[in-house]
Amino acid sequence: MLYLFSAAFSPNLDNPPFYMDIPFDENVQIREDVAQTWAAYDLLQIFPDHVLALASLRGIYLDAGDKDELGEQLIAQAFSEALGAAGIDHKFEIFDGAHMDKLYVQLAASLSYLSDALAN
């Protein structure tokens, strides 16, 4: 996940061989410059700038496992609360499980919800 986020949030074509900046140095100290770059992509930080676009969507589905080892349930819960506070219709579900152990069940649930939302 670290490389995925680094490639997405802090690409750096001048930093071979992976061409990305990682948010900590060789001494495992936080690199503030990279951390600030990542903060610019924080869902709750950028939410106010995208309320109208989010409200225009025909369906938003969020889910997370209550035992998610990455803590994604906390992020999904906070994002769901922000959507609700803005009056944006969405579906949010916390399921019994970890990050990947119910992938196909949750994928089916999300696709069913989004299919219905797009059909209406």
C-alpha atoms as a PDB file:
ATOM      1  CA  MET A   1       0.000   0.000   0.000  1.00  0.00           C
ATOM      2  CA  LEU A   2       2.872   2.362   0.726  1.00  0.00           C
ATOM      3  CA  TYR A   3       4.142   2.168  -2.846  1.00  0.00           C
ATOM      4  CA  LEU A   4       0.638   2.481  -4.244  1.00  0.00           C
ATOM      5  CA  PHE A   5      -0.053   5.662  -2.263  1.00  0.00           C
ATOM      6  CA  SER A   6       3.413   7.030  -2.978  1.00  0.00           C
ATOM      7  CA  ALA A   7       2.997   6.506  -6.717  1.00  0.00           C
ATOM      8  CA  ALA A   8      -0.430   8.150  -6.644  1.00  0.00           C
ATOM      9  CA  PHE A   9       0.191  11.042  -4.247  1.00  0.00           C
ATOM     10  CA  SER A  10       3.890  11.818  -4.585  1.00  0.00           C
ATOM     11  CA  PRO A  11       5.229  10.764  -7.982  1.00  0.00           C
ATOM     12  CA  ASN A  12       8.699  12.079  -8.729  1.00  0.00           C
ATOM     13  CA  LEU A  13      10.270  11.462 -12.136  1.00  0.00           C
ATOM     14  CA  ASP A  14      13.601  12.672 -10.745  1.00  0.00           C
ATOM     15  CA  ASN A  15      13.726   9.917  -8.105  1.00  0.00           C
ATOM     16  CA  PRO A  16      14.600   6.570  -9.751  1.00  0.00           C
ATOM     17  CA  PRO A  17      14.252   3.626  -9.594  1.00  0.00           C
ATOM     18  CA  PHE A  18      10.604   3.845  -8.392  1.00  0.00           C
ATOM     19  CA  TYR A  19       9.977   7.471  -9.416  1.00  0.00           C
ATOM     20  CA  MET A  20       8.072   8.407  -6.288  1.00  0.00           C
ATOM     21  CA  ASP A  21       8.695  10.004  -2.925  1.00  0.00           C
ATOM     22  CA  ILE A  22       7.989   7.938   0.182  1.00  0.00           C
ATOM     23  CA  PRO A  23       6.739   9.920   3.203  1.00  0.00           C
ATOM     24  CA  PHE A  24       9.637   8.942   5.459  1.00  0.00           C
ATOM     25  CA  ASP A  25      13.409   8.886   5.115  1.00  0.00           C
ATOM     26  CA  GLU A  26      15.973   6.119   5.615  1.00  0.00           C
ATOM     27  CA  ASN A  27      15.804   6.738   9.399  1.00  0.00           C
ATOM     28  CA  VAL A  28      12.010   6.293   9.331  1.00  0.00           C
ATOM     29  CA  GLN A  29      11.499   9.981  10.098  1.00  0.00           C
ATOM     30  CA  ILE A  30       8.475  11.676   8.533  1.00  0.00           C
ATOM     31  CA  ARG A  31       9.339  13.817   5.534  1.00  0.00           C
ATOM     32  CA  GLU A  32       7.147  16.869   6.071  1.00  0.00           C
ATOM     33  CA  ASP A  33       7.343  17.920   2.415  1.00  0.00           C
ATOM     34  CA  VAL A  34       5.909  14.590   1.277  1.00  0.00           C
ATOM     35  CA  ALA A  35       3.402  14.442   4.137  1.00  0.00           C
ATOM     36  CA  GLN A  36       2.073  17.860   3.082  1.00  0.00           C
ATOM     37  CA  THR A  37       1.747  16.646  -0.507  1.00  0.00           C
ATOM     38  CA  TRP A  38      -0.254  13.628   0.688  1.00  0.00           C
ATOM     39  CA  ALA A  39      -2.450  15.838   2.884  1.00  0.00           C
ATOM     40  CA  ALA A  40      -3.626  17.630  -0.252  1.00  0.00           C
ATOM     41  CA  TYR A  41      -5.417  14.373  -1.201  1.00  0.00           C
ATOM     42  CA  ASP A  42      -7.049  13.719   2.172  1.00  0.00           C
ATOM     43  CA  LEU A  43     -10.741  12.981   1.555  1.00  0.00           C
ATOM     44  CA  LEU A  44     -12.000  15.134   4.385  1.00  0.00           C
ATOM     45  CA  GLN A  45      -9.684  18.018   3.509  1.00  0.00           C
ATOM     46  CA  ILE A  46     -10.798  18.176  -0.118  1.00  0.00           C
ATOM     47  CA  PHE A  47     -14.456  17.299   0.543  1.00  0.00           C
ATOM     48  CA  PRO A  48     -15.741  20.913   0.627  1.00  0.00           C
ATOM     49  CA  ASP A  49     -14.284  21.562  -2.824  1.00  0.00           C
ATOM     50  CA  HIS A  50     -16.167  18.604  -4.310  1.00  0.00           C
ATOM     51  CA  VAL A  51     -19.596  18.695  -2.637  1.00  0.00           C
ATOM     52  CA  LEU A  52     -21.450  19.692  -5.809  1.00  0.00           C
ATOM     53  CA  ALA A  53     -19.764  16.983  -7.876  1.00  0.00           C
ATOM     54  CA  LEU A  54     -20.486  14.356  -5.214  1.00  0.00           C
ATOM     55  CA  ALA A  55     -24.116  15.489  -4.932  1.00  0.00           C
ATOM     56  CA  SER A  56     -24.532  15.083  -8.689  1.00  0.00           C
ATOM     57  CA  LEU A  57     -23.627  11.379  -8.605  1.00  0.00           C
ATOM     58  CA  ARG A  58     -26.427   8.866  -8.964  1.00  0.00           C
ATOM     59  CA  GLY A  59     -24.976   6.511  -6.390  1.00  0.00           C
ATOM     60  CA  ILE A  60     -22.227   6.438  -3.787  1.00  0.00           C
ATOM     61  CA  TYR A  61     -21.468   3.164  -2.023  1.00  0.00           C
ATOM     62  CA  LEU A  62     -18.994   2.822   0.844  1.00  0.00           C
ATOM     63  CA  ASP A  63     -18.150  -0.233   2.873  1.00  0.00           C
ATOM     64  CA  ALA A  64     -15.414  -1.460   5.148  1.00  0.00           C
ATOM     65  CA  GLY A  65     -14.732  -4.363   7.441  1.00  0.00           C
ATOM     66  CA  ASP A  66     -14.955  -3.790  11.170  1.00  0.00           C
ATOM     67  CA  LYS A  67     -11.582  -5.543  11.505  1.00  0.00           C
ATOM     68  CA  ASP A  68      -9.870  -3.756   8.607  1.00  0.00           C
ATOM     69  CA  GLU A  69      -6.167  -3.902   9.343  1.00  0.00           C
ATOM     70  CA  LEU A  70      -5.591  -0.645   7.433  1.00  0.00           C
ATOM     71  CA  GLY A  71      -8.137   1.306   9.470  1.00  0.00           C
ATOM     72  CA  GLU A  72     -10.254   2.016   6.400  1.00  0.00           C
ATOM     73  CA  GLN A  73     -13.458   1.635   8.401  1.00  0.00           C
ATOM     74  CA  LEU A  74     -12.587   4.841  10.256  1.00  0.00           C
ATOM     75  CA  ILE A  75     -12.013   6.750   7.021  1.00  0.00           C
ATOM     76  CA  ALA A  76     -15.180   5.358   5.438  1.00  0.00           C
ATOM     77  CA  GLN A  77     -17.219   6.240   8.555  1.00  0.00           C
ATOM     78  CA  ALA A  78     -15.892   9.813   8.589  1.00  0.00           C
ATOM     79  CA  PHE A  79     -16.543  10.216   4.855  1.00  0.00           C
ATOM     80  CA  SER A  80     -20.067   8.827   5.259  1.00  0.00           C
ATOM     81  CA  GLU A  81     -20.704  11.328   8.050  1.00  0.00           C
ATOM     82  CA  ALA A  82     -19.451  14.174   5.842  1.00  0.00           C
ATOM     83  CA  LEU A  83     -21.720  13.026   3.006  1.00  0.00           C
ATOM     84  CA  GLY A  84     -24.678  12.828   5.389  1.00  0.00           C
ATOM     85  CA  ALA A  85     -23.979  16.268   6.856  1.00  0.00           C
ATOM     86  CA  ALA A  86     -23.951  17.678   3.318  1.00  0.00           C
ATOM     87  CA  GLY A  87     -27.266  15.957   2.564  1.00  0.00           C
ATOM     88  CA  ILE A  88     -25.713  13.675  -0.053  1.00  0.00           C
ATOM     89  CA  ASP A  89     -27.523  10.369  -0.482  1.00  0.00           C
ATOM     90  CA  HIS A  90     -25.248   7.340  -0.186  1.00  0.00           C
ATOM     91  CA  LYS A  91     -25.055   3.829   1.209  1.00  0.00           C
ATOM     92  CA  PHE A  92     -22.546   2.962   3.906  1.00  0.00           C
ATOM     93  CA  GLU A  93     -22.011  -0.458   5.422  1.00  0.00           C
ATOM     94  CA  ILE A  94     -19.616  -1.815   8.013  1.00  0.00           C
ATOM     95  CA  PHE A  95     -19.395  -5.590   7.621  1.00  0.00           C
ATOM     96  CA  ASP A  96     -17.940  -8.286   9.842  1.00  0.00           C
ATOM     97  CA  GLY A  97     -14.491  -8.839   8.410  1.00  0.00           C
ATOM     98  CA  ALA A  98     -11.083  -7.511   7.483  1.00  0.00           C
ATOM     99  CA  HIS A  99      -9.808  -5.638   4.438  1.00  0.00           C
ATOM    100  CA  MET A 100      -9.963  -8.453   1.872  1.00  0.00           C
ATOM    101  CA  ASP A 101     -11.704 -11.498   3.339  1.00  0.00           C
ATOM    102  CA  LYS A 102     -15.206 -10.629   2.074  1.00  0.00           C
ATOM    103  CA  LEU A 103     -14.122  -9.054  -1.202  1.00  0.00           C
ATOM    104  CA  TYR A 104     -16.439 -10.967  -3.536  1.00  0.00           C
ATOM    105  CA  VAL A 105     -19.488 -10.677  -1.268  1.00  0.00           C
ATOM    106  CA  GLN A 106     -18.956  -6.932  -0.847  1.00  0.00           C
ATOM    107  CA  LEU A 107     -18.174  -6.465  -4.527  1.00  0.00           C
ATOM    108  CA  ALA A 108     -21.497  -8.107  -5.405  1.00  0.00           C
ATOM    109  CA  ALA A 109     -23.324  -5.869  -2.911  1.00  0.00           C
ATOM    110  CA  SER A 110     -21.676  -2.718  -4.246  1.00  0.00           C
ATOM    111  CA  LEU A 111     -22.320  -3.605  -7.893  1.00  0.00           C
ATOM    112  CA  SER A 112     -25.964  -4.417  -7.139  1.00  0.00           C
ATOM    113  CA  TYR A 113     -26.438  -1.070  -5.379  1.00  0.00           C
ATOM    114  CA  LEU A 114     -24.674   0.918  -8.100  1.00  0.00           C
ATOM    115  CA  SER A 115     -26.513  -0.925 -10.875  1.00  0.00           C
ATOM    116  CA  ASP A 116     -29.846  -0.040  -9.271  1.00  0.00           C
ATOM    117  CA  ALA A 117     -28.744   3.563  -8.737  1.00  0.00           C
ATOM    118  CA  LEU A 118     -27.685   3.965 -12.357  1.00  0.00           C
ATOM    119  CA  ALA A 119     -30.848   2.305 -13.700  1.00  0.00           C
ATOM    120  CA  ASN A 120     -33.150   4.737 -11.866  1.00  0.00           C
END
